[in-house]
């Protein structure tokens, strides 16, 4: 069997080869496709082949499997924007195969969308629906943290604000230079240097693709300190993983996307690989095992960065400042990643959310990191990260 990426999935190796061909002066190559060839010998049933490929060799979310065929190049279909009827209470399929339930609206949110566009006297477009479901997703607005939670007879209103936010405000430590306002938290280290801290989980993506989910997770926490203040180079990574026991019986693993051993063998190396390609070490980590993490592993990632205190000051932008967008190409991978985080993981999540896990591109990220602005004299006054590209705000109109 030959295994190749699906159409639209980013493959950094393909891009690197094309750059190398250009450097060699070879200009008549139109495209490059990479694949892996697996040769299996023995009398295997179709079910056995499917189990081998889906559990060990292939991620159906991003890969195509070809049995005894040549790999062909897949054409990209253009993105289409069209109006569609907003009836969130109905399980109606659109032409791209998605049902409105897959937009991950709650019942209350569906009613709000329906009533709003009813007042406007028109139907929403696909872009408007996708924008709403992303903006209202668990990933973007943390609905669980903001909700009222009952526990042991007590009701907690907004668990984040009533715990971490409240205590931080009450303590009011002078060495907390920037908290809850930028892309990462900043504390004073010795009066001259400040430290950035960013922690993030990447559980859903890692459940359906252990290596890619963990890799892009560490990429995200590296990204955010670089987008804090005027921007800063990265320093070190740490991680904590919680998986089901690696010797968990195979017959009990049917509801998981991967057998537990695959999580532990893929996730930790993914963090190390991604960091190494950026020149960032992973200095600490832990792996814990419990059966309750069978189908939904916990992947907790952290990054630290250090910079001069003045560089960490967040500056304002003004009319006339230029915005520069830097980053890699956007493929069809990683689409609906934010809304996917609001969904319950089921046996069908892999097939339904095949585009939700982004393919990491640390080499492309390294190129952007090398030009990260730092220093009080920098003309870059603010740095932001949005999606997989980075925004720089440049003071003044400049001359080239």
Protein backbone atom coordinates (compact mmCIF):
# COMPACT_ATOMS: atom_id res chain seq x y z
CA UNK A 1 0.00 0.00 0.00
CA UNK A 2 1.11 3.54 -0.73
CA UNK A 3 0.14 6.29 1.71
CA UNK A 4 0.05 9.94 0.60
CA UNK A 5 -1.39 13.18 1.88
CA UNK A 6 -4.89 14.11 0.78
CA UNK A 7 -5.40 16.99 -1.61
CA UNK A 8 -4.95 20.35 0.09
CA UNK A 9 -3.03 18.98 3.09
CA UNK A 10 0.21 20.87 3.68
CA UNK A 11 3.36 18.77 3.19
CA UNK A 12 6.48 20.82 4.11
CA UNK A 13 8.73 18.25 2.40
CA UNK A 14 7.09 18.90 -0.96
CA UNK A 15 7.70 22.63 -0.65
CA UNK A 16 11.31 22.07 0.45
CA UNK A 17 11.99 19.82 -2.56
CA UNK A 18 10.55 22.40 -4.93
CA UNK A 19 12.83 25.06 -3.42
CA UNK A 20 15.80 22.72 -3.81
CA UNK A 21 14.94 22.06 -7.46
CA UNK A 22 14.81 25.79 -8.10
CA UNK A 23 18.22 26.21 -6.44
CA UNK A 24 19.58 23.54 -8.80
CA UNK A 25 18.26 25.46 -11.77
CA UNK A 26 15.65 22.82 -12.61
CA UNK A 27 12.54 24.72 -13.63
CA UNK A 28 10.43 22.22 -15.57
CA UNK A 29 9.08 20.32 -12.52
CA UNK A 30 5.47 21.32 -11.93
CA UNK A 31 4.80 19.53 -8.65
CA UNK A 32 6.20 17.08 -6.11
CA UNK A 33 4.24 14.42 -4.24
CA UNK A 34 5.63 12.44 -1.31
CA UNK A 35 4.34 9.07 -0.17
CA UNK A 36 5.29 6.04 1.92
CA UNK A 37 5.26 2.51 0.53
CA UNK A 38 4.38 -0.38 2.86
CA UNK A 39 4.85 -3.97 1.62
CA UNK A 40 2.83 -6.53 3.59
CA UNK A 41 3.39 -10.24 2.97
CA UNK A 42 0.81 -12.82 4.03
CA UNK A 43 -2.82 -13.80 3.59
CA UNK A 44 -4.71 -10.86 5.05
CA UNK A 45 -8.42 -10.16 4.95
CA UNK A 46 -9.81 -6.77 4.00
CA UNK A 47 -10.73 -6.17 7.67
CA UNK A 48 -7.20 -7.00 8.79
CA UNK A 49 -5.76 -4.62 6.23
CA UNK A 50 -8.14 -1.89 7.38
CA UNK A 51 -7.17 -2.45 11.04
CA UNK A 52 -3.47 -2.36 10.22
CA UNK A 53 -3.73 0.80 8.18
CA UNK A 54 -6.12 2.73 10.44
CA UNK A 55 -4.51 1.78 13.75
CA UNK A 56 -0.82 1.72 12.82
CA UNK A 57 0.10 3.16 9.43
CA UNK A 58 -2.48 5.69 8.30
CA UNK A 59 -4.28 8.70 9.66
CA UNK A 60 -7.51 8.74 7.62
CA UNK A 61 -7.97 12.40 8.48
CA UNK A 62 -5.02 13.51 6.34
CA UNK A 63 -3.94 10.45 4.34
CA UNK A 64 -5.13 8.60 1.27
CA UNK A 65 -4.38 4.89 0.91
CA UNK A 66 -3.67 3.45 -2.52
CA UNK A 67 -3.49 -0.32 -2.94
CA UNK A 68 -1.16 -1.25 -5.80
CA UNK A 69 -1.65 2.03 -7.64
CA UNK A 70 0.52 4.91 -8.68
CA UNK A 71 0.13 8.17 -6.79
CA UNK A 72 -1.59 10.84 -8.82
CA UNK A 73 -1.66 14.59 -8.32
CA UNK A 74 -4.93 15.94 -6.98
CA UNK A 75 -6.35 19.18 -8.28
CA UNK A 76 -7.59 21.88 -5.94
CA UNK A 77 -11.21 22.94 -6.25
CA UNK A 78 -11.90 26.67 -5.73
CA UNK A 79 -13.52 27.91 -2.54
CA UNK A 80 -17.12 28.89 -3.09
CA UNK A 81 -19.16 31.32 -1.00
CA UNK A 82 -22.87 30.75 -1.20
CA UNK A 83 -26.00 31.63 0.77
CA UNK A 84 -27.62 28.80 2.65
CA UNK A 85 -30.79 28.56 4.68
CA UNK A 86 -30.11 28.89 8.41
CA UNK A 87 -32.32 26.32 10.07
CA UNK A 88 -30.13 25.10 12.93
CA UNK A 89 -32.85 22.87 14.37
CA UNK A 90 -32.83 20.67 11.26
CA UNK A 91 -30.16 18.10 10.43
CA UNK A 92 -29.91 19.16 6.79
CA UNK A 93 -26.79 18.42 4.75
CA UNK A 94 -25.19 21.09 2.62
CA UNK A 95 -23.52 20.40 -0.71
CA UNK A 96 -20.11 19.94 0.95
CA UNK A 97 -21.54 17.17 3.17
CA UNK A 98 -21.60 19.12 6.43
CA UNK A 99 -24.78 19.21 8.46
CA UNK A 100 -25.75 22.27 10.43
CA UNK A 101 -25.24 20.22 13.59
CA UNK A 102 -21.55 20.03 12.64
CA UNK A 103 -21.37 23.79 13.06
CA UNK A 104 -21.40 22.95 16.77
CA UNK A 105 -24.00 25.52 17.83
CA UNK A 106 -25.83 24.89 21.09
CA UNK A 107 -29.63 24.99 21.03
CA UNK A 108 -29.60 28.52 22.43
CA UNK A 109 -27.05 29.66 19.88
CA UNK A 110 -28.99 28.10 17.01
CA UNK A 111 -32.11 29.98 18.08
CA UNK A 112 -30.15 33.24 18.32
CA UNK A 113 -28.76 32.82 14.81
CA UNK A 114 -32.16 31.95 13.41
CA UNK A 115 -33.92 34.89 15.09
CA UNK A 116 -31.22 37.39 14.10
CA UNK A 117 -31.34 36.59 10.39
CA UNK A 118 -35.12 36.39 10.50
CA UNK A 119 -35.13 40.03 11.60
CA UNK A 120 -32.75 40.87 8.77
CA UNK A 121 -35.10 39.18 6.33
CA UNK A 122 -32.45 37.04 4.68
CA UNK A 123 -30.42 33.87 5.08
CA UNK A 124 -26.80 33.89 6.29
CA UNK A 125 -23.97 32.99 3.95
CA UNK A 126 -21.64 30.09 4.67
CA UNK A 127 -18.91 32.53 5.69
CA UNK A 128 -21.20 34.22 8.21
CA UNK A 129 -22.21 30.89 9.76
CA UNK A 130 -18.62 29.70 9.95
CA UNK A 131 -17.55 33.00 11.52
CA UNK A 132 -20.25 32.76 14.18
CA UNK A 133 -19.58 29.12 15.07
CA UNK A 134 -15.85 29.83 15.33
CA UNK A 135 -16.29 32.99 17.41
CA UNK A 136 -18.70 31.24 19.78
CA UNK A 137 -16.61 28.05 20.00
CA UNK A 138 -15.18 26.60 23.19
CA UNK A 139 -11.71 27.28 21.85
CA UNK A 140 -12.30 31.01 21.34
CA UNK A 141 -14.57 32.09 24.21
CA UNK A 142 -14.08 29.27 26.77
CA UNK A 143 -17.75 28.66 27.46
CA UNK A 144 -16.99 26.00 30.09
CA UNK A 145 -14.84 28.39 32.10
CA UNK A 146 -17.54 31.09 31.91
CA UNK A 147 -20.44 28.80 32.77
CA UNK A 148 -22.09 28.18 36.13
CA UNK A 149 -20.79 24.88 37.53
CA UNK A 150 -22.43 22.98 40.39
CA UNK A 151 -20.09 20.88 42.52
CA UNK A 152 -20.77 19.31 45.94
CA UNK A 153 -23.85 21.45 46.43
CA UNK A 154 -22.08 24.68 45.56
CA UNK A 155 -22.45 26.79 42.41
CA UNK A 156 -19.40 28.44 40.91
CA UNK A 157 -20.08 31.30 38.50
CA UNK A 158 -17.27 31.57 35.95
CA UNK A 159 -14.64 29.21 37.31
CA UNK A 160 -11.76 31.11 35.70
CA UNK A 161 -12.69 34.54 37.06
CA UNK A 162 -13.65 33.22 40.49
CA UNK A 163 -10.31 31.40 40.96
CA UNK A 164 -7.22 32.37 38.95
CA UNK A 165 -8.39 35.85 37.93
CA UNK A 166 -9.65 36.71 41.42
CA UNK A 167 -6.56 35.52 43.30
CA UNK A 168 -4.18 37.23 40.87
CA UNK A 169 -6.03 40.52 41.30
CA UNK A 170 -6.17 40.23 45.09
CA UNK A 171 -2.47 39.43 45.43
CA UNK A 172 -1.58 42.26 43.03
CA UNK A 173 2.09 41.32 42.94
CA UNK A 174 4.38 44.00 41.43
CA UNK A 175 6.37 41.35 39.57
CA UNK A 176 3.26 40.42 37.52
CA UNK A 177 3.97 42.78 34.63
CA UNK A 178 1.26 41.63 32.23
CA UNK A 179 -1.56 39.17 32.98
CA UNK A 180 -4.73 38.28 31.01
CA UNK A 181 -4.24 41.06 28.47
CA UNK A 182 -1.69 39.82 25.89
CA UNK A 183 -0.87 36.59 24.09
CA UNK A 184 1.02 35.27 27.15
CA UNK A 185 1.67 36.21 30.77
CA UNK A 186 4.78 38.21 31.71
CA UNK A 187 6.54 38.35 35.08
CA UNK A 188 9.65 40.18 36.26
CA UNK A 189 12.78 38.05 36.70
CA UNK A 190 15.57 40.29 38.03
CA UNK A 191 14.55 43.85 37.24
CA UNK A 192 16.26 43.77 33.88
CA UNK A 193 14.79 40.63 32.31
CA UNK A 194 11.20 39.45 32.18
CA UNK A 195 9.83 35.94 31.56
CA UNK A 196 6.91 34.93 29.36
CA UNK A 197 4.76 31.89 30.21
CA UNK A 198 2.16 30.27 27.99
CA UNK A 199 0.31 26.99 28.68
CA UNK A 200 -2.20 25.34 26.37
CA UNK A 201 -3.92 22.01 25.90
CA UNK A 202 -4.30 20.29 22.53
CA UNK A 203 -6.50 17.37 23.52
CA UNK A 204 -9.01 16.99 20.68
CA UNK A 205 -6.46 17.30 17.86
CA UNK A 206 -4.14 14.84 19.61
CA UNK A 207 -7.00 12.36 20.03
CA UNK A 208 -7.52 12.07 16.30
CA UNK A 209 -3.88 12.59 15.26
CA UNK A 210 -1.34 12.06 18.12
CA UNK A 211 1.78 13.29 16.35
CA UNK A 212 0.26 16.22 14.46
CA UNK A 213 -1.93 17.29 17.37
CA UNK A 214 0.96 17.49 19.83
CA UNK A 215 3.30 19.10 17.29
CA UNK A 216 0.92 21.91 16.36
CA UNK A 217 0.07 22.31 20.05
CA UNK A 218 3.65 23.10 20.98
CA UNK A 219 3.83 25.32 17.91
CA UNK A 220 0.94 27.32 19.30
CA UNK A 221 2.50 27.96 22.70
CA UNK A 222 5.81 28.89 21.03
CA UNK A 223 3.89 31.31 18.82
CA UNK A 224 2.17 33.23 21.60
CA UNK A 225 5.22 34.56 23.54
CA UNK A 226 6.60 35.60 20.15
CA UNK A 227 3.38 37.59 19.76
CA UNK A 228 3.61 39.21 23.20
CA UNK A 229 4.56 42.88 23.41
CA UNK A 230 6.88 43.73 20.53
CA UNK A 231 7.83 40.07 20.05
CA UNK A 232 10.63 37.89 21.38
CA UNK A 233 12.65 34.85 20.38
CA UNK A 234 11.69 31.52 21.98
CA UNK A 235 13.67 29.75 24.74
CA UNK A 236 12.37 26.42 26.12
CA UNK A 237 9.46 23.96 26.14
CA UNK A 238 7.90 21.61 28.72
CA UNK A 239 5.06 19.11 28.43
CA UNK A 240 2.73 16.80 30.40
CA UNK A 241 0.82 13.90 28.79
CA UNK A 242 -2.02 11.81 30.24
CA UNK A 243 -2.83 8.60 28.32
CA UNK A 244 -4.50 5.27 28.87
CA UNK A 245 -2.03 2.51 29.91
CA UNK A 246 0.00 1.37 26.88
CA UNK A 247 -0.81 -2.29 27.66
CA UNK A 248 -4.57 -1.64 27.69
CA UNK A 249 -6.33 -4.62 26.00
CA UNK A 250 -6.76 -4.09 22.27
CA UNK A 251 -10.34 -5.40 22.26
CA UNK A 252 -11.30 -2.57 24.62
CA UNK A 253 -9.77 0.13 22.41
CA UNK A 254 -12.40 0.18 19.68
CA UNK A 255 -13.79 3.57 20.73
CA UNK A 256 -10.37 5.20 20.68
CA UNK A 257 -8.91 6.58 17.48
CA UNK A 258 -5.55 5.00 18.22
CA UNK A 259 -4.35 2.28 20.54
CA UNK A 260 -2.88 3.81 23.74
CA UNK A 261 0.68 2.81 22.87
CA UNK A 262 0.45 4.94 19.73
CA UNK A 263 -0.25 8.07 21.80
CA UNK A 264 2.83 7.69 23.99
CA UNK A 265 5.05 6.79 21.05
CA UNK A 266 3.91 9.71 18.91
CA UNK A 267 3.04 12.69 21.13
CA UNK A 268 6.25 13.14 23.13
CA UNK A 269 8.51 12.77 20.06
CA UNK A 270 6.29 15.26 18.22
CA UNK A 271 6.99 17.96 20.79
CA UNK A 272 10.71 17.24 20.70
CA UNK A 273 10.81 17.13 16.90
CA UNK A 274 8.96 20.40 16.47
CA UNK A 275 11.13 22.17 19.05
CA UNK A 276 14.38 20.78 17.64
CA UNK A 277 13.60 22.05 14.17
CA UNK A 278 13.21 25.50 15.69
CA UNK A 279 16.28 25.15 17.89
CA UNK A 280 14.17 25.10 21.08
CA UNK A 281 14.90 22.41 23.71
CA UNK A 282 12.29 20.47 25.68
CA UNK A 283 13.76 20.69 29.19
CA UNK A 284 11.12 18.94 31.30
CA UNK A 285 8.12 16.66 30.95
CA UNK A 286 5.91 13.96 32.45
CA UNK A 287 3.65 11.11 31.27
CA UNK A 288 0.77 9.83 33.41
CA UNK A 289 -1.46 6.84 32.70
CA UNK A 290 -5.13 6.28 33.53
CA UNK A 291 -7.86 4.33 31.74
CA UNK A 292 -10.14 7.36 31.69
CA UNK A 293 -7.88 8.98 29.07
CA UNK A 294 -8.52 6.18 26.55
CA UNK A 295 -10.41 8.16 23.92
CA UNK A 296 -9.57 11.70 25.03
CA UNK A 297 -5.91 12.13 26.04
CA UNK A 298 -4.64 15.19 27.89
CA UNK A 299 -1.82 17.00 26.11
CA UNK A 300 -0.59 19.95 28.21
CA UNK A 301 2.14 22.09 26.68
CA UNK A 302 4.11 25.09 27.94
CA UNK A 303 6.66 27.50 26.55
CA UNK A 304 8.86 30.08 28.26
CA UNK A 305 10.53 33.08 26.69
CA UNK A 306 12.75 35.79 28.16
CA UNK A 307 13.43 39.35 27.05
CA UNK A 308 14.46 42.76 28.33
CA UNK A 309 11.66 44.33 30.37
CA UNK A 310 11.28 47.34 28.08
CA UNK A 311 10.77 45.05 25.09
CA UNK A 312 7.78 43.48 26.82
CA UNK A 313 5.84 46.70 27.06
CA UNK A 314 2.75 46.55 24.88
CA UNK A 315 2.53 49.59 22.67
CA UNK A 316 -0.49 51.06 20.94
CA UNK A 317 -0.96 51.34 17.20
CA UNK A 318 -2.16 54.41 15.37
CA UNK A 319 -3.81 55.27 12.06
CA UNK A 320 -1.23 55.13 9.29
CA UNK A 321 0.76 52.24 10.75
CA UNK A 322 1.45 49.42 8.30
CA UNK A 323 0.42 45.80 8.87
CA UNK A 324 2.74 43.05 7.62
CA UNK A 325 1.45 39.47 7.36
CA UNK A 326 4.13 36.75 7.63
CA UNK A 327 3.62 32.99 7.55
CA UNK A 328 3.35 29.74 5.63
CA UNK A 329 0.79 28.75 3.05
CA UNK A 330 -2.69 27.83 4.23
CA UNK A 331 -3.97 24.43 3.08
CA UNK A 332 -7.17 22.54 3.75
CA UNK A 333 -5.75 21.05 6.92
CA UNK A 334 -6.62 22.78 10.19
CA UNK A 335 -10.00 23.97 8.90
CA UNK A 336 -12.69 23.96 11.64
CA UNK A 337 -10.05 23.27 14.28
CA UNK A 338 -11.58 25.82 16.66
CA UNK A 339 -15.15 24.58 16.28
CA UNK A 340 -13.99 20.97 16.50
CA UNK A 341 -12.85 21.70 20.06
CA UNK A 342 -16.49 22.25 21.05
CA UNK A 343 -17.57 18.80 19.87
CA UNK A 344 -17.85 15.57 21.83
CA UNK A 345 -15.41 12.91 20.63
CA UNK A 346 -17.17 9.84 19.24
CA UNK A 347 -16.37 6.93 16.95
CA UNK A 348 -17.31 9.18 14.02
CA UNK A 349 -15.19 12.18 14.99
CA UNK A 350 -12.25 11.12 12.87
CA UNK A 351 -14.29 10.87 9.69
CA UNK A 352 -16.35 14.01 10.40
CA UNK A 353 -13.40 16.19 11.43
CA UNK A 354 -10.84 15.03 8.90
CA UNK A 355 -9.73 18.61 8.13
CA UNK A 356 -9.53 19.85 11.70
CA UNK A 357 -5.92 18.91 12.54
CA UNK A 358 -3.30 21.21 11.08
CA UNK A 359 -0.09 19.79 9.65
CA UNK A 360 2.85 21.35 11.47
CA UNK A 361 5.45 23.26 9.46
CA UNK A 362 8.26 24.13 11.89
CA UNK A 363 10.70 24.92 9.09
CA UNK A 364 8.38 27.61 7.80
CA UNK A 365 7.90 28.81 11.36
CA UNK A 366 11.65 29.07 11.87
CA UNK A 367 11.89 31.44 8.93
CA UNK A 368 9.40 33.76 10.61
CA UNK A 369 11.04 33.44 14.03
CA UNK A 370 14.41 34.52 12.67
CA UNK A 371 12.92 37.87 11.73
CA UNK A 372 11.05 38.34 15.00
CA UNK A 373 11.46 41.99 16.03
CA UNK A 374 12.88 42.71 19.45
CA UNK A 375 14.28 45.74 21.19
CA UNK A 376 13.04 49.19 22.18
CA UNK A 377 14.43 50.74 18.97
CA UNK A 378 12.50 48.37 16.73
CA UNK A 379 10.07 50.02 14.33
CA UNK A 380 7.73 47.11 14.99
CA UNK A 381 5.52 48.39 17.77
CA UNK A 382 3.28 45.39 18.28
CA UNK A 383 3.12 41.74 17.34
CA UNK A 384 0.01 39.57 17.02
CA UNK A 385 -0.72 36.04 15.96
CA UNK A 386 -3.85 35.12 14.07
CA UNK A 387 -4.50 31.63 12.71
CA UNK A 388 -1.26 30.30 11.25
CA UNK A 389 0.21 33.66 10.21
CA UNK A 390 1.72 36.50 12.18
CA UNK A 391 0.75 40.16 12.14
CA UNK A 392 3.40 42.84 12.66
CA UNK A 393 2.36 46.47 13.10
CA UNK A 394 5.02 48.81 11.71
CA UNK A 395 5.26 52.39 12.91
CA UNK A 396 4.94 54.91 10.11
CA UNK A 397 4.53 54.45 6.42
CA UNK A 398 8.25 53.84 5.78
CA UNK A 399 10.19 53.64 2.55
CA UNK A 400 10.52 49.99 1.53
